[in-house]
Amino acid sequence: MIRFANALQVWGTPQFNAILKREIEGLESAQLPLQQGLTSSSQALDARVNAMIIDVSDAGRVIRARVGIFYTGIVAGCSCADDPTPVTEQNEYCVVQLTIDKATAETTLCLVAE
């Protein structure tokens, strides 16, 4: 379970977006829907991600945030000597919606179709 306790502690202050961004960027790649968000490659890389807070709203018992995630992927080939598939990294971007429970800091993430 993902918990953004530090962001919850500063909810309603000017530091919220910066702390939320830091907590998202500190997640392991497998905790984000990166593979499902691919548009120009076939395999998301476990490299560092960059988050951009798009908007945040108070929804009663939860905080909702739409976040842009920048990351990289590759077009995976067969790794044969004559494989023409380029191995260069491709830039990727997806949008996720976070729902942070105000009582527990438990957070759910889902991919948003743009």
N, C-alpha and C. Protein backbone atom coordinates (compact mmCIF):
# COMPACT_ATOMS: atom_id res chain seq x y z
N MET A 1 0.84 -1.18 0.00
CA MET A 1 0.00 0.00 0.00
C MET A 1 0.88 1.24 0.00
N ILE A 2 0.52 2.18 -0.82
CA ILE A 2 1.24 3.44 -0.90
C ILE A 2 0.64 4.39 0.13
N ARG A 3 1.51 5.06 0.88
CA ARG A 3 1.07 6.05 1.87
C ARG A 3 1.89 7.32 1.68
N PHE A 4 1.21 8.43 1.51
CA PHE A 4 1.88 9.72 1.38
C PHE A 4 1.66 10.52 2.66
N ALA A 5 2.25 10.04 3.75
CA ALA A 5 2.06 10.65 5.06
C ALA A 5 2.67 12.05 5.13
N ASN A 6 3.82 12.24 4.53
CA ASN A 6 4.46 13.56 4.58
C ASN A 6 3.63 14.61 3.85
N ALA A 7 3.09 14.25 2.69
CA ALA A 7 2.24 15.19 1.96
C ALA A 7 0.98 15.50 2.76
N LEU A 8 0.41 14.49 3.38
CA LEU A 8 -0.81 14.70 4.17
C LEU A 8 -0.54 15.65 5.33
N GLN A 9 0.62 15.55 5.94
CA GLN A 9 0.96 16.43 7.07
C GLN A 9 0.99 17.90 6.68
N VAL A 10 1.33 18.19 5.43
CA VAL A 10 1.42 19.58 4.99
C VAL A 10 0.24 19.99 4.10
N TRP A 11 -0.82 19.18 4.08
CA TRP A 11 -2.00 19.50 3.28
C TRP A 11 -2.53 20.88 3.68
N GLY A 12 -2.83 21.69 2.68
CA GLY A 12 -3.34 23.02 2.93
C GLY A 12 -2.28 24.09 3.09
N THR A 13 -1.01 23.70 2.95
CA THR A 13 0.08 24.67 3.05
C THR A 13 0.75 24.81 1.68
N PRO A 14 1.54 25.86 1.50
CA PRO A 14 2.23 26.04 0.22
C PRO A 14 3.24 24.92 -0.10
N GLN A 15 3.67 24.17 0.89
CA GLN A 15 4.66 23.10 0.66
C GLN A 15 4.04 21.81 0.11
N PHE A 16 2.71 21.71 0.09
CA PHE A 16 2.06 20.45 -0.26
C PHE A 16 2.52 19.92 -1.62
N ASN A 17 2.46 20.74 -2.66
CA ASN A 17 2.82 20.25 -4.00
C ASN A 17 4.26 19.75 -4.06
N ALA A 18 5.18 20.46 -3.44
CA ALA A 18 6.59 20.05 -3.47
C ALA A 18 6.80 18.73 -2.73
N ILE A 19 6.15 18.57 -1.59
CA ILE A 19 6.30 17.33 -0.81
C ILE A 19 5.64 16.17 -1.55
N LEU A 20 4.46 16.40 -2.12
CA LEU A 20 3.79 15.35 -2.88
C LEU A 20 4.64 14.92 -4.07
N LYS A 21 5.20 15.88 -4.79
CA LYS A 21 6.09 15.57 -5.92
C LYS A 21 7.27 14.72 -5.48
N ARG A 22 7.89 15.08 -4.36
CA ARG A 22 9.04 14.33 -3.85
C ARG A 22 8.63 12.90 -3.48
N GLU A 23 7.46 12.75 -2.86
CA GLU A 23 7.03 11.40 -2.47
C GLU A 23 6.71 10.54 -3.69
N ILE A 24 6.10 11.12 -4.71
CA ILE A 24 5.82 10.37 -5.93
C ILE A 24 7.13 9.94 -6.59
N GLU A 25 8.07 10.85 -6.69
CA GLU A 25 9.35 10.55 -7.33
C GLU A 25 10.17 9.55 -6.53
N GLY A 26 9.85 9.37 -5.25
CA GLY A 26 10.54 8.39 -4.42
C GLY A 26 9.96 6.98 -4.50
N LEU A 27 8.84 6.83 -5.20
CA LEU A 27 8.24 5.50 -5.34
C LEU A 27 9.08 4.63 -6.27
N GLU A 28 8.97 3.33 -6.08
CA GLU A 28 9.58 2.40 -7.03
C GLU A 28 8.75 2.43 -8.31
N SER A 29 9.38 2.27 -9.44
CA SER A 29 8.69 2.32 -10.73
C SER A 29 7.53 1.35 -10.80
N ALA A 30 7.66 0.19 -10.18
CA ALA A 30 6.61 -0.82 -10.23
C ALA A 30 5.33 -0.37 -9.52
N GLN A 31 5.41 0.64 -8.68
CA GLN A 31 4.23 1.12 -7.97
C GLN A 31 3.41 2.10 -8.81
N LEU A 32 3.93 2.50 -9.95
CA LEU A 32 3.25 3.43 -10.84
C LEU A 32 2.78 2.68 -12.09
N PRO A 33 1.70 3.13 -12.73
CA PRO A 33 1.20 2.44 -13.93
C PRO A 33 1.96 2.85 -15.19
N LEU A 34 3.28 2.76 -15.15
CA LEU A 34 4.10 3.22 -16.27
C LEU A 34 3.93 2.35 -17.50
N GLN A 35 3.92 1.05 -17.34
CA GLN A 35 3.79 0.15 -18.49
C GLN A 35 2.47 0.40 -19.21
N GLN A 36 1.40 0.61 -18.45
CA GLN A 36 0.09 0.83 -19.05
C GLN A 36 0.01 2.19 -19.75
N GLY A 37 0.87 3.13 -19.38
CA GLY A 37 0.84 4.47 -19.95
C GLY A 37 1.71 4.67 -21.16
N LEU A 38 2.39 3.62 -21.62
CA LEU A 38 3.29 3.75 -22.77
C LEU A 38 2.55 4.16 -24.03
N THR A 39 3.16 5.04 -24.83
CA THR A 39 2.58 5.44 -26.11
C THR A 39 3.54 5.28 -27.28
N SER A 40 4.85 5.35 -27.04
CA SER A 40 5.80 5.27 -28.16
C SER A 40 6.85 4.18 -27.99
N SER A 41 6.76 3.39 -26.95
CA SER A 41 7.71 2.30 -26.73
C SER A 41 6.94 1.08 -26.21
N SER A 42 7.66 0.00 -25.96
CA SER A 42 6.97 -1.22 -25.54
C SER A 42 7.35 -1.70 -24.14
N GLN A 43 8.37 -1.11 -23.55
CA GLN A 43 8.80 -1.52 -22.21
C GLN A 43 9.22 -0.31 -21.40
N ALA A 44 8.52 -0.08 -20.28
CA ALA A 44 8.89 1.02 -19.39
C ALA A 44 10.19 0.67 -18.68
N LEU A 45 11.05 1.64 -18.54
CA LEU A 45 12.32 1.42 -17.84
C LEU A 45 12.18 1.75 -16.37
N ASP A 46 13.00 1.11 -15.56
CA ASP A 46 12.99 1.33 -14.11
C ASP A 46 13.86 2.52 -13.73
N ALA A 47 13.94 3.47 -14.61
CA ALA A 47 14.75 4.66 -14.35
C ALA A 47 13.94 5.66 -13.52
N ARG A 48 14.59 6.70 -13.14
CA ARG A 48 13.97 7.76 -12.34
C ARG A 48 12.79 8.38 -13.10
N VAL A 49 11.74 8.69 -12.37
CA VAL A 49 10.59 9.38 -12.95
C VAL A 49 10.56 10.82 -12.42
N ASN A 50 9.95 11.69 -13.19
CA ASN A 50 9.73 13.07 -12.78
C ASN A 50 8.24 13.32 -12.75
N ALA A 51 7.78 13.94 -11.68
CA ALA A 51 6.35 14.20 -11.51
C ALA A 51 6.08 15.69 -11.65
N MET A 52 4.90 16.00 -12.20
CA MET A 52 4.44 17.38 -12.32
C MET A 52 3.00 17.42 -11.79
N ILE A 53 2.77 18.17 -10.74
CA ILE A 53 1.44 18.27 -10.16
C ILE A 53 0.60 19.14 -11.08
N ILE A 54 -0.49 18.58 -11.62
CA ILE A 54 -1.35 19.32 -12.54
C ILE A 54 -2.43 20.07 -11.76
N ASP A 55 -3.15 19.35 -10.91
CA ASP A 55 -4.12 20.01 -10.05
C ASP A 55 -4.41 19.15 -8.83
N VAL A 56 -4.87 19.82 -7.79
CA VAL A 56 -5.17 19.17 -6.52
C VAL A 56 -6.50 19.70 -6.03
N SER A 57 -7.33 18.82 -5.46
CA SER A 57 -8.61 19.26 -4.93
C SER A 57 -8.95 18.53 -3.64
N ASP A 58 -9.72 19.21 -2.81
CA ASP A 58 -10.22 18.64 -1.55
C ASP A 58 -11.57 18.02 -1.86
N ALA A 59 -11.69 16.73 -1.60
CA ALA A 59 -12.93 16.01 -1.89
C ALA A 59 -13.49 15.39 -0.61
N GLY A 60 -13.59 16.17 0.44
CA GLY A 60 -14.14 15.67 1.70
C GLY A 60 -13.14 14.84 2.47
N ARG A 61 -13.34 13.52 2.48
CA ARG A 61 -12.45 12.63 3.24
C ARG A 61 -11.16 12.29 2.50
N VAL A 62 -11.06 12.73 1.24
CA VAL A 62 -9.86 12.42 0.45
C VAL A 62 -9.35 13.68 -0.25
N ILE A 63 -8.09 13.59 -0.63
CA ILE A 63 -7.46 14.62 -1.47
C ILE A 63 -7.26 13.96 -2.83
N ARG A 64 -7.66 14.65 -3.88
CA ARG A 64 -7.46 14.13 -5.23
C ARG A 64 -6.42 15.00 -5.94
N ALA A 65 -5.52 14.34 -6.64
CA ALA A 65 -4.49 15.06 -7.39
C ALA A 65 -4.30 14.40 -8.74
N ARG A 66 -4.23 15.23 -9.78
CA ARG A 66 -3.84 14.74 -11.11
C ARG A 66 -2.38 15.10 -11.28
N VAL A 67 -1.61 14.09 -11.69
CA VAL A 67 -0.16 14.26 -11.76
C VAL A 67 0.35 13.73 -13.09
N GLY A 68 1.18 14.54 -13.75
CA GLY A 68 1.85 14.10 -14.96
C GLY A 68 3.14 13.39 -14.58
N ILE A 69 3.39 12.25 -15.20
CA ILE A 69 4.60 11.47 -14.92
C ILE A 69 5.44 11.40 -16.20
N PHE A 70 6.67 11.87 -16.11
CA PHE A 70 7.63 11.78 -17.21
C PHE A 70 8.59 10.63 -16.91
N TYR A 71 8.79 9.77 -17.89
CA TYR A 71 9.68 8.61 -17.71
C TYR A 71 10.16 8.15 -19.07
N THR A 72 10.92 7.07 -19.12
CA THR A 72 11.44 6.58 -20.39
C THR A 72 11.07 5.12 -20.60
N GLY A 73 11.09 4.73 -21.87
CA GLY A 73 10.85 3.34 -22.24
C GLY A 73 11.71 3.01 -23.45
N ILE A 74 11.69 1.76 -23.82
CA ILE A 74 12.41 1.31 -25.01
C ILE A 74 11.49 0.42 -25.83
N VAL A 75 11.84 0.28 -27.09
CA VAL A 75 11.17 -0.70 -27.94
C VAL A 75 12.00 -1.97 -27.81
N ALA A 76 11.44 -2.95 -27.12
CA ALA A 76 12.19 -4.17 -26.85
C ALA A 76 12.22 -5.07 -28.08
N GLY A 77 13.42 -5.49 -28.45
CA GLY A 77 13.60 -6.40 -29.57
C GLY A 77 13.97 -7.78 -29.07
N CYS A 78 14.52 -8.57 -29.96
CA CYS A 78 14.86 -9.94 -29.59
C CYS A 78 16.29 -10.08 -29.11
N SER A 79 17.07 -9.01 -29.15
CA SER A 79 18.48 -9.01 -28.74
C SER A 79 19.35 -9.90 -29.62
N CYS A 80 18.91 -10.15 -30.82
CA CYS A 80 19.73 -10.91 -31.78
C CYS A 80 20.77 -9.98 -32.40
N ALA A 81 21.83 -10.52 -32.92
CA ALA A 81 22.89 -9.72 -33.50
C ALA A 81 22.39 -8.88 -34.67
N ASP A 82 21.42 -9.39 -35.44
CA ASP A 82 20.93 -8.65 -36.61
C ASP A 82 19.57 -7.99 -36.34
N ASP A 83 19.21 -7.80 -35.08
CA ASP A 83 17.94 -7.17 -34.71
C ASP A 83 17.99 -5.68 -35.08
N PRO A 84 17.08 -5.22 -35.96
CA PRO A 84 17.11 -3.81 -36.38
C PRO A 84 16.44 -2.85 -35.39
N THR A 85 15.89 -3.36 -34.31
CA THR A 85 15.18 -2.53 -33.35
C THR A 85 16.14 -1.58 -32.65
N PRO A 86 15.86 -0.27 -32.67
CA PRO A 86 16.75 0.66 -31.96
C PRO A 86 16.64 0.46 -30.45
N VAL A 87 17.74 0.64 -29.75
CA VAL A 87 17.75 0.43 -28.31
C VAL A 87 17.75 1.77 -27.57
N THR A 88 17.55 2.85 -28.28
CA THR A 88 17.55 4.15 -27.63
C THR A 88 16.29 4.34 -26.79
N GLU A 89 16.46 5.07 -25.70
CA GLU A 89 15.33 5.35 -24.83
C GLU A 89 14.38 6.33 -25.49
N GLN A 90 13.10 6.11 -25.25
CA GLN A 90 12.06 6.99 -25.76
C GLN A 90 11.44 7.72 -24.57
N ASN A 91 11.20 9.01 -24.71
CA ASN A 91 10.52 9.74 -23.64
C ASN A 91 9.05 9.36 -23.62
N GLU A 92 8.52 9.18 -22.43
CA GLU A 92 7.11 8.82 -22.25
C GLU A 92 6.48 9.77 -21.25
N TYR A 93 5.16 9.86 -21.30
CA TYR A 93 4.40 10.72 -20.39
C TYR A 93 3.03 10.09 -20.18
N CYS A 94 2.58 10.09 -18.95
CA CYS A 94 1.21 9.66 -18.66
C CYS A 94 0.68 10.50 -17.50
N VAL A 95 -0.62 10.46 -17.33
CA VAL A 95 -1.27 11.20 -16.25
C VAL A 95 -1.92 10.19 -15.31
N VAL A 96 -1.69 10.35 -14.02
CA VAL A 96 -2.31 9.49 -13.02
C VAL A 96 -3.13 10.34 -12.06
N GLN A 97 -4.17 9.74 -11.53
CA GLN A 97 -4.94 10.40 -10.48
C GLN A 97 -4.63 9.71 -9.17
N LEU A 98 -4.28 10.52 -8.17
CA LEU A 98 -4.01 10.02 -6.83
C LEU A 98 -5.22 10.34 -5.97
N THR A 99 -5.58 9.41 -5.12
CA THR A 99 -6.61 9.65 -4.12
C THR A 99 -5.99 9.33 -2.76
N ILE A 100 -5.81 10.37 -1.95
CA ILE A 100 -5.14 10.25 -0.65
C ILE A 100 -6.19 10.33 0.45
N ASP A 101 -6.30 9.27 1.24
CA ASP A 101 -7.23 9.25 2.36
C ASP A 101 -6.69 10.17 3.46
N LYS A 102 -7.50 11.13 3.89
CA LYS A 102 -7.04 12.09 4.90
C LYS A 102 -6.85 11.47 6.28
N ALA A 103 -7.50 10.37 6.57
CA ALA A 103 -7.38 9.74 7.88
C ALA A 103 -6.16 8.83 7.97
N THR A 104 -5.81 8.16 6.88
CA THR A 104 -4.76 7.14 6.94
C THR A 104 -3.54 7.43 6.06
N ALA A 105 -3.66 8.37 5.13
CA ALA A 105 -2.63 8.68 4.13
C ALA A 105 -2.50 7.59 3.07
N GLU A 106 -3.35 6.55 3.14
CA GLU A 106 -3.31 5.52 2.12
C GLU A 106 -3.71 6.13 0.78
N THR A 107 -2.97 5.76 -0.24
CA THR A 107 -3.13 6.40 -1.54
C THR A 107 -3.34 5.37 -2.64
N THR A 108 -4.31 5.63 -3.49
CA THR A 108 -4.52 4.81 -4.67
C THR A 108 -4.14 5.63 -5.89
N LEU A 109 -3.63 4.95 -6.90
CA LEU A 109 -3.23 5.59 -8.14
C LEU A 109 -3.95 4.92 -9.29
N CYS A 110 -4.42 5.69 -10.25
CA CYS A 110 -4.97 5.08 -11.46
C CYS A 110 -4.59 5.95 -12.65
N LEU A 111 -4.38 5.29 -13.76
CA LEU A 111 -4.02 5.94 -15.01
C LEU A 111 -5.24 6.70 -15.53
N VAL A 112 -5.01 7.91 -16.02
CA VAL A 112 -6.08 8.74 -16.57
C VAL A 112 -5.90 8.80 -18.07
N ALA A 113 -6.95 8.49 -18.83
CA ALA A 113 -6.89 8.59 -20.28
C ALA A 113 -6.95 10.05 -20.67
N GLU A 114 -6.02 10.47 -21.48
CA GLU A 114 -5.98 11.89 -21.90
C GLU A 114 -6.31 11.99 -23.35
